[in-house]
C-alpha atoms as a PDB file:
ATOM      1  CA  MET A   1     -84.786 -50.206 -90.247  1.00  0.00           C
ATOM      2  CA  SER A   2     -81.877 -49.660 -86.790  1.00  0.00           C
ATOM      3  CA  ASP A   3     -83.706 -46.994 -85.486  1.00  0.00           C
ATOM      4  CA  TYR A   4     -87.504 -47.305 -84.710  1.00  0.00           C
ATOM      5  CA  ILE A   5     -90.678 -46.227 -83.246  1.00  0.00           C
ATOM      6  CA  VAL A   6     -92.547 -49.396 -81.663  1.00  0.00           C
ATOM      7  CA  ARG A   7     -96.576 -47.832 -80.518  1.00  0.00           C
ATOM      8  CA  ALA A   8     -98.478 -49.800 -78.135  1.00  0.00           C
ATOM      9  CA  THR A   9    -101.611 -50.784 -76.459  1.00  0.00           C
ATOM     10  CA  ALA A  10    -102.258 -51.851 -72.800  1.00  0.00           C
ATOM     11  CA  ALA A  11    -104.805 -52.643 -70.017  1.00  0.00           C
ATOM     12  CA  ASN A  12    -107.688 -52.777 -72.420  1.00  0.00           C
ATOM     13  CA  ASN A  13    -106.321 -49.518 -73.828  1.00  0.00           C
ATOM     14  CA  GLN A  14    -106.045 -47.957 -70.831  1.00  0.00           C
ATOM     15  CA  ILE A  15    -102.021 -47.283 -71.008  1.00  0.00           C
ATOM     16  CA  ARG A  16    -100.797 -46.443 -74.764  1.00  0.00           C
ATOM     17  CA  ALA A  17     -97.487 -46.690 -74.825  1.00  0.00           C
ATOM     18  CA  PHE A  18     -93.660 -45.619 -77.185  1.00  0.00           C
ATOM     19  CA  ALA A  19     -90.511 -47.216 -77.328  1.00  0.00           C
ATOM     20  CA  ALA A  20     -87.799 -45.995 -79.682  1.00  0.00           C
ATOM     21  CA  THR A  21     -84.061 -47.008 -80.295  1.00  0.00           C
ATOM     22  CA  THR A  22     -82.155 -43.531 -81.459  1.00  0.00           C
ATOM     23  CA  ARG A  23     -79.033 -45.129 -80.906  1.00  0.00           C
ATOM     24  CA  GLU A  24     -78.437 -44.060 -85.087  1.00  0.00           C
ATOM     25  CA  LEU A  25     -79.982 -40.452 -85.893  1.00  0.00           C
ATOM     26  CA  THR A  26     -78.573 -39.162 -82.399  1.00  0.00           C
ATOM     27  CA  GLU A  27     -74.482 -40.387 -83.843  1.00  0.00           C
ATOM     28  CA  TYR A  28     -75.868 -38.656 -86.762  1.00  0.00           C
ATOM     29  CA  ALA A  29     -76.604 -35.444 -84.857  1.00  0.00           C
ATOM     30  CA  ARG A  30     -73.350 -35.632 -82.790  1.00  0.00           C
ATOM     31  CA  GLN A  31     -71.370 -36.004 -86.290  1.00  0.00           C
ATOM     32  CA  ALA A  32     -72.975 -33.117 -87.977  1.00  0.00           C
ATOM     33  CA  HIS A  33     -72.088 -30.872 -85.224  1.00  0.00           C
ATOM     34  CA  ASN A  34     -69.105 -32.321 -83.522  1.00  0.00           C
ATOM     35  CA  THR A  35     -70.994 -32.017 -79.833  1.00  0.00           C
ATOM     36  CA  SER A  36     -69.466 -33.032 -76.905  1.00  0.00           C
ATOM     37  CA  PRO A  37     -70.108 -36.034 -74.779  1.00  0.00           C
ATOM     38  CA  VAL A  38     -72.920 -33.965 -72.606  1.00  0.00           C
ATOM     39  CA  ALA A  39     -74.404 -31.803 -75.637  1.00  0.00           C
ATOM     40  CA  THR A  40     -74.551 -35.647 -77.351  1.00  0.00           C
ATOM     41  CA  ALA A  41     -76.272 -37.003 -74.478  1.00  0.00           C
ATOM     42  CA  ALA A  42     -79.006 -33.602 -73.940  1.00  0.00           C
ATOM     43  CA  LEU A  43     -79.746 -33.394 -77.641  1.00  0.00           C
ATOM     44  CA  GLY A  44     -80.047 -37.290 -78.118  1.00  0.00           C
ATOM     45  CA  ARG A  45     -82.564 -37.063 -75.367  1.00  0.00           C
ATOM     46  CA  LEU A  46     -84.241 -34.297 -76.696  1.00  0.00           C
ATOM     47  CA  LEU A  47     -84.581 -35.730 -79.860  1.00  0.00           C
ATOM     48  CA  THR A  48     -85.680 -39.275 -78.942  1.00  0.00           C
ATOM     49  CA  ALA A  49     -88.570 -37.020 -77.066  1.00  0.00           C
ATOM     50  CA  GLY A  50     -89.589 -35.333 -80.360  1.00  0.00           C
ATOM     51  CA  ALA A  51     -89.264 -38.392 -82.347  1.00  0.00           C
ATOM     52  CA  MET A  52     -91.358 -40.647 -80.295  1.00  0.00           C
ATOM     53  CA  MET A  53     -93.686 -36.740 -79.373  1.00  0.00           C
ATOM     54  CA  GLY A  54     -93.591 -36.313 -83.501  1.00  0.00           C
ATOM     55  CA  SER A  55     -95.045 -40.150 -84.074  1.00  0.00           C
ATOM     56  CA  MET A  56     -98.413 -39.056 -82.271  1.00  0.00           C
ATOM     57  CA  MET A  57     -99.781 -36.536 -84.561  1.00  0.00           C
ATOM     58  CA  LYS A  58    -102.277 -37.372 -86.570  1.00  0.00           C
ATOM     59  CA  GLY A  59    -101.598 -35.084 -89.627  1.00  0.00           C
ATOM     60  CA  GLU A  60     -99.468 -35.913 -92.520  1.00  0.00           C
ATOM     61  CA  LYS A  61     -97.811 -32.356 -92.091  1.00  0.00           C
ATOM     62  CA  ASP A  62     -98.073 -31.431 -88.262  1.00  0.00           C
ATOM     63  CA  LEU A  63     -94.841 -29.894 -86.806  1.00  0.00           C
ATOM     64  CA  LEU A  64     -93.587 -30.254 -83.591  1.00  0.00           C
ATOM     65  CA  THR A  65     -91.120 -27.845 -82.235  1.00  0.00           C
ATOM     66  CA  LEU A  66     -89.264 -28.128 -79.233  1.00  0.00           C
ATOM     67  CA  GLN A  67     -86.905 -25.972 -77.679  1.00  0.00           C
ATOM     68  CA  ILE A  68     -86.132 -25.235 -74.151  1.00  0.00           C
ATOM     69  CA  GLN A  69     -84.527 -21.838 -73.463  1.00  0.00           C
ATOM     70  CA  ALA A  70     -81.764 -22.190 -70.819  1.00  0.00           C
ATOM     71  CA  GLY A  71     -79.220 -20.423 -68.608  1.00  0.00           C
ATOM     72  CA  GLY A  72     -76.939 -22.863 -68.637  1.00  0.00           C
ATOM     73  CA  PRO A  73     -73.789 -23.470 -70.742  1.00  0.00           C
ATOM     74  CA  LEU A  74     -75.201 -25.617 -73.561  1.00  0.00           C
ATOM     75  CA  GLN A  75     -77.376 -22.626 -74.273  1.00  0.00           C
ATOM     76  CA  GLY A  76     -80.238 -24.245 -75.451  1.00  0.00           C
ATOM     77  CA  ILE A  77     -81.760 -26.868 -77.428  1.00  0.00           C
ATOM     78  CA  THR A  78     -84.021 -27.084 -80.495  1.00  0.00           C
ATOM     79  CA  VAL A  79     -85.874 -29.894 -82.074  1.00  0.00           C
ATOM     80  CA  THR A  80     -88.322 -30.589 -84.794  1.00  0.00           C
ATOM     81  CA  ALA A  81     -90.255 -33.949 -86.038  1.00  0.00           C
ATOM     82  CA  ASP A  82     -93.004 -34.664 -87.782  1.00  0.00           C
ATOM     83  CA  SER A  83     -95.429 -37.481 -87.725  1.00  0.00           C
ATOM     84  CA  HIS A  84     -93.768 -39.085 -89.859  1.00  0.00           C
ATOM     85  CA  ALA A  85     -90.472 -39.660 -87.219  1.00  0.00           C
ATOM     86  CA  ASN A  86     -87.978 -38.020 -89.046  1.00  0.00           C
ATOM     87  CA  VAL A  87     -86.307 -35.136 -86.100  1.00  0.00           C
ATOM     88  CA  LYS A  88     -83.402 -32.563 -86.072  1.00  0.00           C
ATOM     89  CA  GLY A  89     -82.146 -30.514 -83.744  1.00  0.00           C
ATOM     90  CA  TYR A  90     -79.440 -28.533 -82.184  1.00  0.00           C
ATOM     91  CA  VAL A  91     -78.110 -27.330 -79.766  1.00  0.00           C
ATOM     92  CA  GLY A  92     -76.526 -23.842 -78.803  1.00  0.00           C
ATOM     93  CA  ASN A  93     -73.110 -24.739 -78.021  1.00  0.00           C
ATOM     94  CA  PRO A  94     -72.068 -27.847 -79.408  1.00  0.00           C
ATOM     95  CA  ASN A  95     -68.777 -27.786 -76.897  1.00  0.00           C
ATOM     96  CA  VAL A  96     -70.069 -27.195 -74.016  1.00  0.00           C
ATOM     97  CA  LEU A  97     -67.638 -29.483 -71.079  1.00  0.00           C
ATOM     98  CA  ILE A  98     -68.455 -30.090 -68.134  1.00  0.00           C
ATOM     99  CA  PRO A  99     -67.529 -32.283 -65.231  1.00  0.00           C
ATOM    100  CA  ALA A 100     -69.432 -35.045 -64.136  1.00  0.00           C
ATOM    101  CA  ASN A 101     -71.953 -35.434 -61.403  1.00  0.00           C
ATOM    102  CA  SER A 102     -72.120 -36.553 -58.004  1.00  0.00           C
ATOM    103  CA  LYS A 103     -73.327 -40.310 -60.330  1.00  0.00           C
ATOM    104  CA  GLY A 104     -70.225 -40.011 -62.374  1.00  0.00           C
ATOM    105  CA  LYS A 105     -72.714 -39.803 -65.072  1.00  0.00           C
ATOM    106  CA  LEU A 106     -72.877 -36.425 -67.927  1.00  0.00           C
ATOM    107  CA  ASP A 107     -73.977 -34.005 -66.249  1.00  0.00           C
ATOM    108  CA  VAL A 108     -77.049 -32.772 -68.903  1.00  0.00           C
ATOM    109  CA  ALA A 109     -79.191 -31.343 -65.655  1.00  0.00           C
ATOM    110  CA  GLU A 110     -75.854 -29.165 -64.913  1.00  0.00           C
ATOM    111  CA  ALA A 111     -75.260 -28.072 -68.978  1.00  0.00           C
ATOM    112  CA  VAL A 112     -79.272 -27.231 -69.944  1.00  0.00           C
ATOM    113  CA  GLY A 113     -79.601 -25.280 -66.439  1.00  0.00           C
ATOM    114  CA  VAL A 114     -82.526 -23.344 -65.522  1.00  0.00           C
ATOM    115  CA  GLY A 115     -85.075 -22.390 -68.024  1.00  0.00           C
ATOM    116  CA  LEU A 116     -88.274 -23.077 -69.780  1.00  0.00           C
ATOM    117  CA  LEU A 117     -89.439 -25.429 -72.320  1.00  0.00           C
ATOM    118  CA  THR A 118     -91.832 -24.226 -75.097  1.00  0.00           C
ATOM    119  CA  VAL A 119     -93.405 -27.365 -77.328  1.00  0.00           C
ATOM    120  CA  ILE A 120     -94.897 -26.329 -80.555  1.00  0.00           C
ATOM    121  CA  LYS A 121     -97.434 -28.372 -83.119  1.00  0.00           C
ATOM    122  CA  ASP A 122     -98.684 -26.620 -86.047  1.00  0.00           C
ATOM    123  CA  MET A 123    -101.411 -28.982 -87.531  1.00  0.00           C
ATOM    124  CA  GLY A 124    -102.498 -26.412 -90.489  1.00  0.00           C
ATOM    125  CA  MET A 125    -104.662 -24.362 -88.069  1.00  0.00           C
ATOM    126  CA  LYS A 126    -104.472 -20.315 -88.588  1.00  0.00           C
ATOM    127  CA  GLU A 127    -102.173 -20.764 -85.213  1.00  0.00           C
ATOM    128  CA  PRO A 128     -99.534 -22.849 -83.961  1.00  0.00           C
ATOM    129  CA  TYR A 129    -100.471 -24.657 -80.598  1.00  0.00           C
ATOM    130  CA  SER A 130     -97.942 -23.751 -78.319  1.00  0.00           C
ATOM    131  CA  SER A 131     -97.203 -24.283 -74.335  1.00  0.00           C
ATOM    132  CA  GLN A 132     -94.670 -23.181 -72.543  1.00  0.00           C
ATOM    133  CA  THR A 133     -93.449 -25.149 -68.702  1.00  0.00           C
ATOM    134  CA  VAL A 134     -90.625 -24.108 -66.132  1.00  0.00           C
ATOM    135  CA  LEU A 135     -87.966 -27.089 -66.634  1.00  0.00           C
ATOM    136  CA  GLN A 136     -88.420 -29.317 -63.061  1.00  0.00           C
ATOM    137  CA  THR A 137     -85.301 -30.807 -63.392  1.00  0.00           C
ATOM    138  CA  SER A 138     -83.744 -30.067 -66.460  1.00  0.00           C
ATOM    139  CA  GLU A 139     -82.722 -33.584 -67.079  1.00  0.00           C
ATOM    140  CA  ILE A 140     -85.274 -33.282 -70.140  1.00  0.00           C
ATOM    141  CA  ALA A 141     -87.246 -36.976 -69.738  1.00  0.00           C
ATOM    142  CA  GLU A 142     -88.414 -35.638 -66.029  1.00  0.00           C
ATOM    143  CA  ASP A 143     -89.348 -31.955 -67.572  1.00  0.00           C
ATOM    144  CA  LEU A 144     -91.360 -33.932 -70.505  1.00  0.00           C
ATOM    145  CA  THR A 145     -93.066 -35.594 -68.105  1.00  0.00           C
ATOM    146  CA  TYR A 146     -94.563 -32.044 -66.045  1.00  0.00           C
ATOM    147  CA  TYR A 147     -95.381 -30.967 -69.748  1.00  0.00           C
ATOM    148  CA  PHE A 148     -97.752 -33.209 -70.009  1.00  0.00           C
ATOM    149  CA  ALA A 149     -99.113 -33.552 -67.011  1.00  0.00           C
ATOM    150  CA  THR A 150     -99.523 -29.658 -67.105  1.00  0.00           C
ATOM    151  CA  SER A 151     -99.952 -28.085 -70.171  1.00  0.00           C
ATOM    152  CA  GLU A 152    -101.907 -31.896 -71.587  1.00  0.00           C
ATOM    153  CA  GLN A 153    -102.974 -33.088 -69.421  1.00  0.00           C
ATOM    154  CA  VAL A 154    -102.092 -36.262 -69.368  1.00  0.00           C
ATOM    155  CA  PRO A 155    -100.099 -38.405 -67.269  1.00  0.00           C
ATOM    156  CA  SER A 156     -97.311 -39.716 -68.463  1.00  0.00           C
ATOM    157  CA  ALA A 157     -93.912 -41.538 -67.557  1.00  0.00           C
ATOM    158  CA  VAL A 158     -90.975 -40.102 -69.968  1.00  0.00           C
ATOM    159  CA  GLY A 159     -87.592 -42.360 -69.791  1.00  0.00           C
ATOM    160  CA  LEU A 160     -84.874 -41.358 -71.901  1.00  0.00           C
ATOM    161  CA  GLY A 161     -81.184 -42.456 -72.120  1.00  0.00           C
ATOM    162  CA  VAL A 162     -77.994 -41.654 -74.022  1.00  0.00           C
ATOM    163  CA  LEU A 163     -75.348 -43.715 -73.094  1.00  0.00           C
ATOM    164  CA  MET A 164     -71.259 -42.375 -74.802  1.00  0.00           C
ATOM    165  CA  ASN A 165     -68.034 -44.707 -75.943  1.00  0.00           C
ATOM    166  CA  ARG A 166     -64.693 -44.676 -74.422  1.00  0.00           C
ATOM    167  CA  ASP A 167     -64.286 -42.578 -77.641  1.00  0.00           C
ATOM    168  CA  ASN A 168     -67.110 -40.245 -77.323  1.00  0.00           C
ATOM    169  CA  THR A 169     -69.168 -42.168 -80.577  1.00  0.00           C
ATOM    170  CA  VAL A 170     -72.894 -43.056 -79.404  1.00  0.00           C
ATOM    171  CA  ARG A 171     -72.805 -46.317 -78.239  1.00  0.00           C
ATOM    172  CA  GLN A 172     -76.819 -45.835 -77.210  1.00  0.00           C
ATOM    173  CA  ALA A 173     -79.704 -44.060 -77.601  1.00  0.00           C
ATOM    174  CA  GLY A 174     -83.689 -43.890 -76.496  1.00  0.00           C
ATOM    175  CA  GLY A 175     -86.790 -44.061 -74.661  1.00  0.00           C
ATOM    176  CA  PHE A 176     -89.906 -44.747 -73.957  1.00  0.00           C
ATOM    177  CA  ILE A 177     -93.032 -42.349 -72.785  1.00  0.00           C
ATOM    178  CA  ILE A 178     -95.917 -43.725 -71.694  1.00  0.00           C
ATOM    179  CA  GLN A 179     -99.838 -42.434 -71.042  1.00  0.00           C
ATOM    180  CA  LEU A 180    -102.589 -43.007 -68.871  1.00  0.00           C
ATOM    181  CA  MET A 181    -105.719 -42.362 -70.378  1.00  0.00           C
ATOM    182  CA  PRO A 182    -108.908 -40.512 -68.413  1.00  0.00           C
ATOM    183  CA  PHE A 183    -110.640 -43.510 -67.381  1.00  0.00           C
ATOM    184  CA  THR A 184    -107.808 -45.487 -65.958  1.00  0.00           C
ATOM    185  CA  GLU A 185    -107.991 -47.889 -63.353  1.00  0.00           C
ATOM    186  CA  GLU A 186    -107.076 -46.832 -59.963  1.00  0.00           C
ATOM    187  CA  THR A 187    -105.631 -50.412 -59.567  1.00  0.00           C
ATOM    188  CA  VAL A 188    -103.698 -50.217 -62.951  1.00  0.00           C
ATOM    189  CA  ILE A 189    -102.613 -46.725 -61.940  1.00  0.00           C
ATOM    190  CA  ALA A 190    -101.278 -48.836 -58.536  1.00  0.00           C
ATOM    191  CA  ARG A 191     -99.112 -51.229 -60.184  1.00  0.00           C
ATOM    192  CA  LEU A 192     -98.021 -49.371 -62.967  1.00  0.00           C
ATOM    193  CA  GLU A 193     -96.401 -46.420 -60.539  1.00  0.00           C
ATOM    194  CA  GLU A 194     -94.255 -49.781 -58.778  1.00  0.00           C
ATOM    195  CA  LYS A 195     -93.259 -51.302 -62.158  1.00  0.00           C
ATOM    196  CA  LEU A 196     -91.893 -47.743 -63.295  1.00  0.00           C
ATOM    197  CA  GLN A 197     -89.938 -47.530 -59.587  1.00  0.00           C
ATOM    198  CA  GLU A 198     -88.250 -50.900 -60.937  1.00  0.00           C
ATOM    199  CA  VAL A 199     -86.423 -48.740 -63.663  1.00  0.00           C
ATOM    200  CA  THR A 200     -83.145 -47.855 -62.737  1.00  0.00           C
ATOM    201  CA  SER A 201     -82.221 -46.218 -66.389  1.00  0.00           C
ATOM    202  CA  VAL A 202     -82.822 -46.459 -69.955  1.00  0.00           C
ATOM    203  CA  THR A 203     -79.193 -46.820 -71.390  1.00  0.00           C
ATOM    204  CA  SER A 204     -79.121 -49.742 -69.003  1.00  0.00           C
ATOM    205  CA  MET A 205     -81.710 -51.352 -70.321  1.00  0.00           C
ATOM    206  CA  LEU A 206     -80.833 -51.230 -73.812  1.00  0.00           C
ATOM    207  CA  ASP A 207     -77.408 -51.722 -72.937  1.00  0.00           C
ATOM    208  CA  ARG A 208     -78.288 -55.390 -71.680  1.00  0.00           C
ATOM    209  CA  GLY A 209     -79.816 -55.423 -75.381  1.00  0.00           C
ATOM    210  CA  ASP A 210     -83.480 -54.870 -74.862  1.00  0.00           C
ATOM    211  CA  SER A 211     -85.153 -53.904 -77.943  1.00  0.00           C
ATOM    212  CA  PRO A 212     -87.568 -51.275 -77.710  1.00  0.00           C
ATOM    213  CA  GLU A 213     -90.677 -54.296 -77.864  1.00  0.00           C
ATOM    214  CA  GLN A 214     -88.618 -55.935 -74.648  1.00  0.00           C
ATOM    215  CA  ILE A 215     -88.869 -52.765 -73.291  1.00  0.00           C
ATOM    216  CA  LEU A 216     -91.959 -51.943 -73.257  1.00  0.00           C
ATOM    217  CA  GLU A 217     -92.441 -55.912 -72.575  1.00  0.00           C
ATOM    218  CA  ASN A 218     -90.475 -55.814 -69.377  1.00  0.00           C
ATOM    219  CA  LEU A 219     -93.080 -52.277 -68.166  1.00  0.00           C
ATOM    220  CA  LEU A 220     -96.168 -53.018 -69.491  1.00  0.00           C
ATOM    221  CA  GLY A 221     -96.316 -57.285 -70.290  1.00  0.00           C
ATOM    222  CA  GLU A 222     -98.213 -58.358 -67.126  1.00  0.00           C
ATOM    223  CA  PHE A 223    -101.085 -55.511 -68.706  1.00  0.00           C
ATOM    224  CA  GLY A 224    -102.367 -57.293 -71.441  1.00  0.00           C
ATOM    225  CA  LEU A 225     -99.471 -55.715 -73.639  1.00  0.00           C
ATOM    226  CA  GLU A 226    -100.740 -55.134 -77.945  1.00  0.00           C
ATOM    227  CA  MET A 227     -98.216 -53.796 -79.861  1.00  0.00           C
ATOM    228  CA  THR A 228     -99.815 -51.785 -82.581  1.00  0.00           C
ATOM    229  CA  ASP A 229     -97.284 -50.734 -85.143  1.00  0.00           C
ATOM    230  CA  THR A 230     -93.366 -50.246 -85.717  1.00  0.00           C
ATOM    231  CA  ILE A 231     -92.222 -47.092 -87.601  1.00  0.00           C
ATOM    232  CA  PRO A 232     -89.098 -46.134 -88.446  1.00  0.00           C
ATOM    233  CA  THR A 233     -87.120 -42.379 -86.876  1.00  0.00           C
ATOM    234  CA  GLN A 234     -84.158 -40.987 -88.571  1.00  0.00           C
ATOM    235  CA  PHE A 235     -82.640 -37.485 -88.416  1.00  0.00           C
ATOM    236  CA  TYR A 236     -83.828 -35.687 -90.999  1.00  0.00           C
ATOM    237  CA  CYS A 237     -83.535 -32.730 -92.598  1.00  0.00           C
ATOM    238  CA  ASN A 238     -84.988 -30.646 -95.600  1.00  0.00           C
ATOM    239  CA  CYS A 239     -82.998 -28.187 -96.431  1.00  0.00           C
ATOM    240  CA  SER A 240     -81.269 -27.594 -99.482  1.00  0.00           C
ATOM    241  CA  LYS A 241     -80.029 -24.823-101.685  1.00  0.00           C
ATOM    242  CA  GLU A 242     -83.431 -23.834-103.372  1.00  0.00           C
ATOM    243  CA  ARG A 243     -84.514 -22.835-100.451  1.00  0.00           C
ATOM    244  CA  VAL A 244     -81.697 -21.393 -99.338  1.00  0.00           C
ATOM    245  CA  GLU A 245     -81.669 -19.169-101.970  1.00  0.00           C
ATOM    246  CA  LYS A 246     -85.336 -17.797-101.146  1.00  0.00           C
ATOM    247  CA  ALA A 247     -83.958 -16.926 -97.557  1.00  0.00           C
ATOM    248  CA  VAL A 248     -81.144 -14.810 -98.850  1.00  0.00           C
ATOM    249  CA  MET A 249     -83.501 -13.402-100.950  1.00  0.00           C
ATOM    250  CA  SER A 250     -85.724 -12.523 -98.234  1.00  0.00           C
ATOM    251  CA  ILE A 251     -83.291  -9.869 -96.805  1.00  0.00           C
ATOM    252  CA  GLY A 252     -83.529  -7.635 -99.890  1.00  0.00           C
ATOM    253  CA  LYS A 253     -81.645  -6.326-102.408  1.00  0.00           C
ATOM    254  CA  LYS A 254     -79.977  -3.608-100.760  1.00  0.00           C
ATOM    255  CA  GLU A 255     -78.390  -6.260 -98.296  1.00  0.00           C
ATOM    256  CA  ILE A 256     -77.263  -8.686-101.644  1.00  0.00           C
ATOM    257  CA  GLN A 257     -75.794  -5.844-103.007  1.00  0.00           C
ATOM    258  CA  GLU A 258     -73.604  -5.092-100.358  1.00  0.00           C
ATOM    259  CA  MET A 259     -72.778  -8.371-100.724  1.00  0.00           C
ATOM    260  CA  ILE A 260     -71.874  -7.815-104.206  1.00  0.00           C
ATOM    261  CA  ASP A 261     -69.664  -5.358-103.923  1.00  0.00           C
ATOM    262  CA  GLU A 262     -67.690  -7.271-101.293  1.00  0.00           C
ATOM    263  CA  GLY A 263     -66.877  -9.011-104.264  1.00  0.00           C
ATOM    264  CA  LYS A 264     -66.518 -12.365-101.879  1.00  0.00           C
ATOM    265  CA  PRO A 265     -68.232 -15.592-102.096  1.00  0.00           C
ATOM    266  CA  ILE A 266     -70.854 -16.213 -99.627  1.00  0.00           C
ATOM    267  CA  GLU A 267     -71.740 -18.690 -96.974  1.00  0.00           C
ATOM    268  CA  VAL A 268     -74.961 -20.176 -95.560  1.00  0.00           C
ATOM    269  CA  ASN A 269     -74.895 -22.482 -92.537  1.00  0.00           C
ATOM    270  CA  CYS A 270     -78.365 -24.548 -91.652  1.00  0.00           C
ATOM    271  CA  HIS A 271     -78.729 -24.598 -88.427  1.00  0.00           C
ATOM    272  CA  PHE A 272     -80.472 -28.009 -87.656  1.00  0.00           C
ATOM    273  CA  CYS A 273     -77.656 -30.071 -90.245  1.00  0.00           C
ATOM    274  CA  ASN A 274     -74.538 -27.891 -90.016  1.00  0.00           C
ATOM    275  CA  LYS A 275     -74.404 -28.058 -93.967  1.00  0.00           C
ATOM    276  CA  HIS A 276     -72.942 -25.040 -95.558  1.00  0.00           C
ATOM    277  CA  TYR A 277     -74.252 -23.952 -99.141  1.00  0.00           C
ATOM    278  CA  GLU A 278     -71.749 -21.478-100.803  1.00  0.00           C
ATOM    279  CA  PHE A 279     -73.043 -18.772-103.864  1.00  0.00           C
ATOM    280  CA  SER A 280     -71.083 -17.411-105.547  1.00  0.00           C
ATOM    281  CA  VAL A 281     -71.361 -13.150-106.444  1.00  0.00           C
ATOM    282  CA  ASN A 282     -72.568 -14.479-109.788  1.00  0.00           C
ATOM    283  CA  GLU A 283     -75.192 -16.167-108.063  1.00  0.00           C
ATOM    284  CA  LEU A 284     -75.943 -13.165-105.816  1.00  0.00           C
ATOM    285  CA  GLN A 285     -76.448 -11.371-109.051  1.00  0.00           C
ATOM    286  CA  ASP A 286     -79.024 -14.023-109.774  1.00  0.00           C
ATOM    287  CA  LEU A 287     -80.860 -14.199-106.865  1.00  0.00           C
ATOM    288  CA  LYS A 288     -81.329  -9.789-107.049  1.00  0.00           C
ATOM    289  CA  MET A 289     -82.723  -9.817-110.338  1.00  0.00           C
ATOM    290  CA  ARG A 290     -85.302 -12.578-109.535  1.00  0.00           C
ATOM    291  CA  ILE A 291     -86.387 -10.047-106.726  1.00  0.00           C
END
């Protein structure tokens, strides 16, 4: 199990925490979508957050969607995750190339641009829960910190990071989410804020070899940290030819007949994992018959 999430509590359950290492799933996404370094960094951050937030959900079939709609050249990001920390996602423009920021790092904020973060939780109710907040920095971690505080009224600290190798493969990826319960004592809050001030970046911790357990130990060790469990996380897409067939059939007989009349096979692409599904003219005729 190389990519995984650690869930923990601290300060007699006044704090709950999550930390993840996600290098493999971020690299999988990079290869699937052939993303540029800055697109990989942005997508990897949101995938990491999605995996951890998915693992917060209780129901077997609960689904989480994180959508960033913004005006930058990246043209938005969409990530979905389930309660088992299976996650998938894509960016609008995987080829975006922009100069590094003033610190010489990948300029995720500039690539994302000004916009909105939408969080949708489908928990099997009549209507999914949906909340929208304005992006604060477009760096993603701070935007999720703001979302938790304003939409869920849960004071949180979110750290996310992706570090690239010179050959543009993913060197490190991961993050943490630390949340305060409503009854957290002021002394605990003040000390935790001091500890968080000491964090330079998630990638620096990962790159020096810190595991998710060590990241939480560094941040929360003095608060009586208790690791509750460890769960694997992965990039997983549940698309299949059968599911794509249903999507093709849903467009109707008339449209399918137009495709048949062209006399060429069609190719349908999955946004999330970039797999291609081809349907021959004969297969299209069969689908039309089944409507």
